[in-house]
Amino acid sequence: MSGDEMNPAAVAQAVEDIQGDDRWMSQIWRELFSPLHALNFGIGGDTTCNVLWRLQNGELDNIGPKVRLKQVTVVWVGTNNHEHSAEQVAGGILAIAQLLTSRLPKTKVVVLGLLARGEWPNPLREKNVAVNSFLRSWLPRLGQTQFLDVGAGFVHSDGTISTRDMFDFLHLTASGYRAIAKPLIDLLLQILEETPEEKRASLV
């Protein structure tokens, strides 16, 4: 995007609590991510604007890795940015990654690719594919940010998505969460694994 152009997907905005219960995604979390001492700041319906607003308004306060420990931040947002173009959505995600690397300079940022959506091929799927393409190109410039595509296997050879993976062709089922959790957990464990030098330093 042009440097003079204001990106509406990179403007902080508080989320509207449509459900009225401040619900949080919890499937699979306790089993796979809690043992990593992970915190979950995801809110249903989030857009890039909502995430930016929270990050700029206290969500990062008092968060930082303990001495000698590695820290990873996983970002997964963008499919709810309905009014924004693919380039704008990717720009909003990039703005989040830039803010995280600026405020948490010792953290590694992992950005998850957007999933396909809808029972059949449709413009929203095409948009998410385009967002992922922009992210693959832009994120390496940040250095400590990595893109991870977790969408393999969701779209079948006939172009459909199964209700076994997404009960409404958007939100994941337990089996869908397990499918995306496997490559993510593998990457997190790889990043968090201590090198021999770090292990020796922790024993001093």
Protein backbone atom coordinates (compact mmCIF):
# COMPACT_ATOMS: atom_id res chain seq x y z
CA MET A 1 0.00 0.00 0.00
CA SER A 2 1.10 3.55 -0.61
CA GLY A 3 2.78 5.23 2.35
CA ASP A 4 0.44 8.23 2.09
CA GLU A 5 -2.69 6.12 2.06
CA MET A 6 -4.55 5.50 5.34
CA ASN A 7 -5.31 1.79 5.80
CA PRO A 8 -8.67 1.37 7.59
CA ALA A 9 -7.70 -2.17 8.62
CA ALA A 10 -4.73 -0.78 10.56
CA VAL A 11 -6.78 1.60 12.73
CA ALA A 12 -7.34 0.55 16.35
CA GLN A 13 -10.98 -0.04 17.26
CA ALA A 14 -12.63 -1.59 20.35
CA VAL A 15 -14.51 -4.82 19.66
CA GLU A 16 -18.30 -4.97 19.93
CA ASP A 17 -19.42 -7.77 22.26
CA ILE A 18 -22.21 -9.14 20.07
CA GLN A 19 -22.80 -12.29 22.14
CA GLY A 20 -22.87 -10.35 25.40
CA ASP A 21 -20.79 -12.89 27.28
CA ASP A 22 -17.18 -12.01 26.37
CA ARG A 23 -16.73 -15.59 25.13
CA TRP A 24 -13.23 -16.94 24.45
CA MET A 25 -12.13 -19.80 22.23
CA SER A 26 -11.31 -22.72 24.52
CA GLN A 27 -11.40 -25.96 22.43
CA ILE A 28 -8.11 -27.86 22.54
CA TRP A 29 -6.52 -25.05 24.56
CA ARG A 30 -6.26 -26.78 27.92
CA GLU A 31 -4.84 -29.97 26.46
CA LEU A 32 -2.23 -28.56 24.07
CA PHE A 33 -1.43 -24.95 24.90
CA SER A 34 -1.83 -24.59 28.67
CA PRO A 35 1.23 -26.82 29.30
CA LEU A 36 3.26 -24.22 27.39
CA HIS A 37 2.11 -21.57 29.93
CA ALA A 38 0.33 -19.77 27.10
CA LEU A 39 -2.12 -16.91 27.47
CA ASN A 40 -5.14 -16.59 25.14
CA PHE A 41 -6.26 -13.09 24.19
CA GLY A 42 -8.52 -14.14 21.31
CA ILE A 43 -12.08 -12.81 21.15
CA GLY A 44 -14.73 -14.09 18.74
CA GLY A 45 -15.50 -11.69 15.92
CA ASP A 46 -12.19 -9.83 16.23
CA THR A 47 -10.89 -7.78 13.34
CA THR A 48 -7.36 -6.46 12.94
CA CYS A 49 -8.69 -3.11 14.18
CA ASN A 50 -9.96 -4.66 17.43
CA VAL A 51 -6.68 -6.44 18.10
CA LEU A 52 -4.71 -3.25 17.48
CA TRP A 53 -6.99 -1.33 19.86
CA ARG A 54 -6.45 -3.83 22.67
CA LEU A 55 -2.70 -3.96 22.10
CA GLN A 56 -2.56 -0.15 22.23
CA ASN A 57 -4.82 0.05 25.30
CA GLY A 58 -3.16 -2.09 27.95
CA GLU A 59 -3.18 -5.69 26.74
CA LEU A 60 0.61 -5.76 26.50
CA ASP A 61 1.16 -4.12 29.89
CA ASN A 62 3.27 -6.24 32.22
CA ILE A 63 3.81 -8.92 29.58
CA GLY A 64 7.34 -9.98 28.92
CA PRO A 65 9.45 -13.12 28.98
CA LYS A 66 11.18 -14.16 32.18
CA VAL A 67 14.94 -13.98 32.21
CA ARG A 68 16.53 -16.46 29.77
CA LEU A 69 13.13 -17.74 28.57
CA LYS A 70 11.96 -17.49 24.99
CA GLN A 71 8.64 -15.91 24.15
CA VAL A 72 6.40 -16.55 21.16
CA THR A 73 3.31 -14.57 20.20
CA VAL A 74 0.84 -16.18 17.81
CA VAL A 75 -1.39 -13.90 15.72
CA TRP A 76 -4.47 -15.25 13.96
CA VAL A 77 -6.86 -12.57 12.76
CA GLY A 78 -8.26 -11.12 9.55
CA THR A 79 -11.11 -13.31 8.29
CA ASN A 80 -13.64 -11.03 10.04
CA ASN A 81 -12.42 -7.88 8.25
CA HIS A 82 -15.39 -7.98 5.86
CA GLU A 83 -15.28 -4.34 4.75
CA HIS A 84 -11.56 -4.33 3.94
CA SER A 85 -9.68 -5.45 0.84
CA ALA A 86 -7.18 -8.31 0.96
CA GLU A 87 -4.29 -5.85 0.81
CA GLN A 88 -5.79 -3.79 3.66
CA VAL A 89 -6.33 -6.89 5.82
CA ALA A 90 -2.75 -8.03 5.27
CA GLY A 91 -1.60 -4.48 6.11
CA GLY A 92 -3.59 -4.61 9.35
CA ILE A 93 -1.98 -7.93 10.30
CA LEU A 94 1.43 -6.50 9.42
CA ALA A 95 0.68 -3.49 11.69
CA ILE A 96 -0.09 -5.90 14.56
CA ALA A 97 3.15 -7.82 13.98
CA GLN A 98 5.12 -4.57 13.85
CA LEU A 99 3.56 -3.36 17.10
CA LEU A 100 4.34 -6.66 18.82
CA THR A 101 7.97 -6.71 17.68
CA SER A 102 8.34 -3.08 18.77
CA ARG A 103 6.77 -3.52 22.22
CA LEU A 104 8.13 -7.04 22.83
CA PRO A 105 11.54 -7.00 21.14
CA LYS A 106 12.52 -10.44 22.52
CA THR A 107 9.44 -12.19 21.19
CA LYS A 108 9.12 -14.31 18.07
CA VAL A 109 5.86 -13.57 16.23
CA VAL A 110 4.10 -16.40 14.39
CA VAL A 111 1.31 -15.26 12.05
CA LEU A 112 -1.15 -17.99 11.08
CA GLY A 113 -2.57 -17.94 7.57
CA LEU A 114 -6.29 -17.38 7.10
CA LEU A 115 -8.35 -20.50 6.42
CA ALA A 116 -10.67 -21.18 3.51
CA ARG A 117 -14.32 -20.49 4.34
CA GLY A 118 -17.73 -21.32 2.86
CA GLU A 119 -18.97 -24.73 1.74
CA TRP A 120 -18.00 -24.04 -1.88
CA PRO A 121 -15.41 -21.78 -3.57
CA ASN A 122 -16.43 -18.15 -3.16
CA PRO A 123 -15.01 -14.59 -3.14
CA LEU A 124 -14.24 -14.69 0.60
CA ARG A 125 -12.03 -17.73 0.07
CA GLU A 126 -10.26 -15.94 -2.76
CA LYS A 127 -9.77 -12.92 -0.51
CA ASN A 128 -8.22 -15.01 2.28
CA VAL A 129 -5.88 -16.66 -0.23
CA ALA A 130 -4.82 -13.18 -1.37
CA VAL A 131 -4.27 -12.05 2.24
CA ASN A 132 -2.00 -15.06 2.81
CA SER A 133 -0.08 -14.26 -0.36
CA PHE A 134 0.57 -10.68 0.81
CA LEU A 135 1.67 -11.96 4.24
CA ARG A 136 4.12 -14.46 2.75
CA SER A 137 5.70 -11.57 0.86
CA TRP A 138 5.64 -8.88 3.57
CA LEU A 139 6.31 -10.65 6.89
CA PRO A 140 9.92 -11.73 6.23
CA ARG A 141 10.87 -8.03 6.20
CA LEU A 142 10.21 -7.87 9.96
CA GLY A 143 12.96 -10.37 10.76
CA GLN A 144 11.54 -12.01 13.88
CA THR A 145 8.15 -12.79 12.33
CA GLN A 146 7.20 -16.07 10.67
CA PHE A 147 4.18 -17.03 8.56
CA LEU A 148 2.60 -20.45 9.13
CA ASP A 149 -0.04 -21.87 6.79
CA VAL A 150 -2.30 -24.20 8.81
CA GLY A 151 -4.99 -24.59 6.15
CA ALA A 152 -3.78 -27.69 4.33
CA GLY A 153 -6.41 -30.40 3.99
CA PHE A 154 -9.53 -28.35 4.73
CA VAL A 155 -10.59 -27.97 1.08
CA HIS A 156 -11.36 -31.27 -0.65
CA SER A 157 -10.69 -32.11 -4.31
CA ASP A 158 -14.24 -31.08 -5.28
CA GLY A 159 -13.75 -27.65 -3.67
CA THR A 160 -15.94 -28.32 -0.63
CA ILE A 161 -15.21 -27.99 3.09
CA SER A 162 -16.54 -30.70 5.42
CA THR A 163 -18.76 -29.99 8.42
CA ARG A 164 -16.45 -32.43 10.22
CA ASP A 165 -13.82 -29.68 10.17
CA MET A 166 -15.98 -26.52 10.16
CA PHE A 167 -19.51 -27.03 11.46
CA ASP A 168 -20.77 -23.88 9.68
CA PHE A 169 -18.01 -23.71 7.04
CA LEU A 170 -16.27 -20.97 9.04
CA HIS A 171 -15.81 -21.97 12.71
CA LEU A 172 -13.69 -25.00 13.50
CA THR A 173 -14.89 -28.17 15.18
CA ALA A 174 -12.72 -30.07 17.66
CA SER A 175 -11.22 -32.09 14.80
CA GLY A 176 -10.61 -28.88 12.85
CA TYR A 177 -8.80 -27.33 15.82
CA ARG A 178 -6.69 -30.47 16.18
CA ALA A 179 -5.73 -30.25 12.50
CA ILE A 180 -4.41 -26.69 12.86
CA ALA A 181 -2.92 -27.30 16.30
CA LYS A 182 -0.51 -30.01 15.11
CA PRO A 183 1.69 -27.84 12.83
CA LEU A 184 1.45 -24.93 15.27
CA ILE A 185 2.51 -26.98 18.29
CA ASP A 186 5.37 -28.50 16.29
CA LEU A 187 6.62 -25.02 15.35
CA LEU A 188 6.21 -23.63 18.88
CA LEU A 189 8.17 -26.50 20.41
CA GLN A 190 10.88 -26.00 17.80
CA ILE A 191 11.13 -22.27 18.61
CA LEU A 192 10.98 -22.77 22.37
CA GLU A 193 13.53 -25.58 22.46
CA GLU A 194 16.67 -24.46 24.24
CA THR A 195 19.97 -24.56 22.42
CA PRO A 196 22.86 -26.27 24.27
CA GLU A 197 24.30 -22.82 25.08
CA GLU A 198 20.99 -21.65 26.56
CA LYS A 199 20.67 -24.84 28.59
CA ARG A 200 24.15 -24.36 30.07
CA ALA A 201 23.39 -20.71 30.87
CA SER A 202 20.18 -21.66 32.70
CA LEU A 203 22.18 -23.99 34.98
CA VAL A 204 24.58 -21.24 36.12
